[in-house]
Amino acid sequence: MATLQKSIDKRNALIKATIELVNNNGFHATPMSKIAKMANVSPATIYLYFENKQDLVNQTYIEVKAKYTNYAFETYNENMPVEQGFELIWKRIAHFKLIECENAMFLAQCDNTPMIDETSRQEGIRHLQPLLDLWRRGRNEGIIKPISDFLLYAYSINPLSFLMMSEKRGAFKLDKTQLKEAYESAWSSIKVCE
């Protein structure tokens, strides 16, 4: 049992090191040797858990995406009215991005790089299924604009990454008023005008 826990701890240390180094240095300036050193394991140990750097980054992405979406949908009920469901999910995503800044930054980097392979990217999208289903229901009910999920995400969810990065740099403070205004902007960008 102690050996299993030690193995889990090593793998988690590699994931954590990957997130930190990618956030600080980018994908290409994060060699396996640096990841191993930061995780306090030998470089050969990485290959017990991951095939190569691509596999390490892809698996890290999928794990972080799962953590993000589990948090986002934890209190969501698919029977909620569309606007109420979207508001709940949006606020949970915003909260995650603020309290799990390192993980959120890593996901933002992954969304803007070709480093993540298409299979992993599709797996990440599957984790968003409750939101995609809510949007489909909203389009069917005439509440959400009849545009692609990519555009809905770009206009309503993606701005949170920009705001999070601005806050991290100290250029902007996301207080309750700013969050309320950001939500209202997100909702008005995707709802059908009355």
Protein backbone atom coordinates (compact mmCIF):
# COMPACT_ATOMS: atom_id res chain seq x y z
CA MET A 1 0.00 0.00 0.00
CA ALA A 2 2.85 2.41 0.81
CA THR A 3 4.42 1.66 -2.58
CA LEU A 4 1.15 2.47 -4.36
CA GLN A 5 0.86 5.78 -2.49
CA LYS A 6 4.48 6.59 -3.31
CA SER A 7 3.73 5.92 -6.99
CA ILE A 8 0.63 8.17 -6.88
CA ASP A 9 2.65 10.89 -5.14
CA LYS A 10 5.37 10.75 -7.82
CA ARG A 11 2.84 10.97 -10.63
CA ASN A 12 1.06 13.88 -8.91
CA ALA A 13 4.41 15.64 -8.41
CA LEU A 14 5.11 15.28 -12.15
CA ILE A 15 1.68 16.72 -13.02
CA LYS A 16 2.17 19.63 -10.59
CA ALA A 17 5.66 20.35 -11.92
CA THR A 18 4.39 20.27 -15.50
CA ILE A 19 1.65 22.81 -14.70
CA GLU A 20 4.04 25.15 -12.89
CA LEU A 21 6.79 24.99 -15.51
CA VAL A 22 4.45 25.35 -18.48
CA ASN A 23 2.77 28.34 -16.80
CA ASN A 24 6.11 30.02 -16.12
CA ASN A 25 8.14 29.01 -19.19
CA GLY A 26 5.71 27.83 -21.88
CA PHE A 27 5.55 24.38 -23.45
CA HIS A 28 8.69 24.50 -25.53
CA ALA A 29 10.90 25.82 -22.73
CA THR A 30 9.84 23.00 -20.40
CA PRO A 31 12.09 20.01 -21.01
CA MET A 32 11.49 16.68 -19.32
CA SER A 33 14.69 17.12 -17.31
CA LYS A 34 13.30 20.28 -15.65
CA ILE A 35 10.00 18.57 -14.92
CA ALA A 36 11.81 15.63 -13.31
CA LYS A 37 14.04 17.93 -11.27
CA MET A 38 11.12 20.01 -9.97
CA ALA A 39 9.15 16.82 -9.17
CA ASN A 40 12.22 15.49 -7.37
CA VAL A 41 12.36 12.28 -9.42
CA SER A 42 14.88 10.89 -11.87
CA PRO A 43 14.17 11.67 -15.56
CA ALA A 44 13.71 7.94 -16.20
CA THR A 45 10.86 7.86 -13.65
CA ILE A 46 8.73 10.03 -15.94
CA TYR A 47 8.61 7.19 -18.47
CA LEU A 48 7.07 4.84 -15.90
CA TYR A 49 3.96 7.05 -15.99
CA PHE A 50 4.03 8.74 -19.40
CA GLU A 51 5.18 7.67 -22.87
CA ASN A 52 6.80 11.03 -23.68
CA LYS A 53 6.40 14.77 -23.16
CA GLN A 54 3.33 14.87 -25.44
CA ASP A 55 1.65 12.16 -23.34
CA LEU A 56 2.57 13.96 -20.10
CA VAL A 57 1.13 17.26 -21.31
CA ASN A 58 -2.00 15.61 -22.76
CA GLN A 59 -2.72 13.66 -19.57
CA THR A 60 -2.07 16.75 -17.44
CA TYR A 61 -4.50 18.69 -19.63
CA ILE A 62 -7.22 16.03 -19.33
CA GLU A 63 -6.80 15.77 -15.54
CA VAL A 64 -6.94 19.53 -15.05
CA LYS A 65 -9.91 19.82 -17.44
CA ALA A 66 -11.75 17.12 -15.44
CA LYS A 67 -11.05 18.95 -12.17
CA TYR A 68 -12.27 22.21 -13.73
CA THR A 69 -15.49 20.76 -15.13
CA ASN A 70 -16.24 18.66 -12.03
CA TYR A 71 -16.11 21.88 -10.03
CA ALA A 72 -18.13 23.83 -12.62
CA PHE A 73 -20.98 21.31 -12.74
CA GLU A 74 -20.94 20.08 -9.13
CA THR A 75 -24.12 21.90 -8.09
CA TYR A 76 -25.74 22.13 -11.54
CA ASN A 77 -29.03 20.33 -12.22
CA GLU A 78 -30.01 19.76 -15.85
CA ASN A 79 -33.65 20.54 -15.00
CA MET A 80 -32.82 24.15 -14.09
CA PRO A 81 -34.14 26.88 -16.38
CA VAL A 82 -31.54 27.77 -19.04
CA GLU A 83 -30.59 31.19 -17.67
CA GLN A 84 -30.38 29.94 -14.07
CA GLY A 85 -28.26 26.96 -15.14
CA PHE A 86 -25.92 29.12 -17.21
CA GLU A 87 -25.50 31.63 -14.39
CA LEU A 88 -24.67 28.87 -11.91
CA ILE A 89 -22.14 27.23 -14.26
CA TRP A 90 -20.59 30.56 -15.26
CA LYS A 91 -20.13 31.63 -11.64
CA ARG A 92 -18.63 28.25 -10.70
CA ILE A 93 -16.19 28.55 -13.63
CA ALA A 94 -15.28 32.09 -12.54
CA HIS A 95 -14.74 30.90 -8.97
CA PHE A 96 -12.56 28.00 -10.14
CA LYS A 97 -10.43 30.37 -12.21
CA LEU A 98 -9.91 32.59 -9.18
CA ILE A 99 -9.19 29.90 -6.57
CA GLU A 100 -7.35 27.48 -8.89
CA CYS A 101 -5.36 30.10 -10.74
CA GLU A 102 -2.44 27.82 -11.66
CA ASN A 103 -4.74 25.16 -13.11
CA ALA A 104 -6.82 27.79 -14.92
CA MET A 105 -3.68 29.36 -16.40
CA PHE A 106 -2.53 25.95 -17.60
CA LEU A 107 -5.88 25.34 -19.33
CA ALA A 108 -5.73 28.79 -20.93
CA GLN A 109 -2.27 27.96 -22.31
CA CYS A 110 -3.55 24.61 -23.59
CA ASP A 111 -6.47 26.28 -25.35
CA ASN A 112 -4.03 28.47 -27.27
CA THR A 113 -1.37 26.00 -28.37
CA PRO A 114 -1.02 23.18 -30.86
CA MET A 115 0.82 21.20 -28.14
CA ILE A 116 -2.37 19.37 -27.09
CA ASP A 117 -3.24 16.62 -29.56
CA GLU A 118 -6.70 16.44 -31.12
CA THR A 119 -7.72 13.30 -29.22
CA SER A 120 -6.99 15.00 -25.89
CA ARG A 121 -8.70 18.20 -27.04
CA GLN A 122 -11.85 16.20 -27.92
CA GLU A 123 -11.69 14.49 -24.51
CA GLY A 124 -11.54 17.94 -22.92
CA ILE A 125 -14.61 19.03 -24.89
CA ARG A 126 -16.50 15.94 -23.69
CA HIS A 127 -15.93 17.14 -20.13
CA LEU A 128 -17.96 20.25 -21.04
CA GLN A 129 -20.99 18.21 -22.12
CA PRO A 130 -23.44 19.53 -19.48
CA LEU A 131 -22.77 23.10 -20.67
CA LEU A 132 -23.06 22.09 -24.33
CA ASP A 133 -26.35 20.31 -23.55
CA LEU A 134 -27.63 23.41 -21.73
CA TRP A 135 -26.76 25.57 -24.74
CA ARG A 136 -28.49 23.13 -27.11
CA ARG A 137 -31.61 23.26 -24.93
CA GLY A 138 -31.35 27.06 -24.83
CA ARG A 139 -31.14 27.22 -28.63
CA ASN A 140 -34.12 24.86 -28.95
CA GLU A 141 -36.14 27.03 -26.54
CA GLY A 142 -35.18 30.22 -28.41
CA ILE A 143 -33.27 31.60 -25.41
CA ILE A 144 -29.68 31.17 -26.66
CA LYS A 145 -28.49 32.54 -30.01
CA PRO A 146 -28.42 29.89 -32.75
CA ILE A 147 -24.63 30.02 -33.13
CA SER A 148 -21.92 27.37 -32.68
CA ASP A 149 -20.73 26.18 -29.29
CA PHE A 150 -17.29 27.56 -30.14
CA LEU A 151 -18.70 31.07 -30.52
CA LEU A 152 -20.81 30.72 -27.38
CA TYR A 153 -17.71 29.65 -25.44
CA ALA A 154 -15.56 32.37 -27.00
CA TYR A 155 -17.99 35.13 -26.04
CA SER A 156 -19.24 33.94 -22.67
CA ILE A 157 -16.57 31.76 -21.02
CA ASN A 158 -13.23 32.63 -22.60
CA PRO A 159 -13.24 36.27 -21.39
CA LEU A 160 -12.85 34.87 -17.86
CA SER A 161 -9.31 33.74 -18.78
CA PHE A 162 -8.46 37.25 -19.93
CA LEU A 163 -9.85 38.75 -16.71
CA MET A 164 -8.03 36.16 -14.58
CA MET A 165 -4.71 36.91 -16.31
CA SER A 166 -5.30 40.66 -15.95
CA GLU A 167 -5.94 40.21 -12.24
CA LYS A 168 -2.84 38.05 -11.84
CA ARG A 169 -0.75 40.83 -13.42
CA GLY A 170 -2.32 43.34 -11.04
CA ALA A 171 -3.97 45.32 -13.85
CA PHE A 172 -7.53 44.58 -12.78
CA LYS A 173 -9.39 43.51 -9.64
CA LEU A 174 -12.26 41.05 -10.01
CA ASP A 175 -14.45 42.09 -7.10
CA LYS A 176 -18.16 41.27 -6.67
CA THR A 177 -19.26 44.23 -8.79
CA GLN A 178 -16.84 43.36 -11.61
CA LEU A 179 -17.91 39.70 -11.53
CA LYS A 180 -21.58 40.70 -11.68
CA GLU A 181 -20.90 42.96 -14.68
CA ALA A 182 -18.79 40.24 -16.34
CA TYR A 183 -21.60 37.72 -15.92
CA GLU A 184 -24.20 40.14 -17.29
CA SER A 185 -21.94 40.80 -20.30
CA ALA A 186 -21.46 37.06 -20.84
CA TRP A 187 -25.18 36.34 -20.67
CA SER A 188 -26.14 39.25 -22.92
CA SER A 189 -23.56 38.10 -25.50
CA ILE A 190 -25.25 34.71 -25.96
CA LYS A 191 -28.96 35.26 -25.21
CA VAL A 192 -31.46 36.01 -27.93
CA CYS A 193 -32.39 39.71 -27.85
CA GLU A 194 -36.00 40.31 -26.89
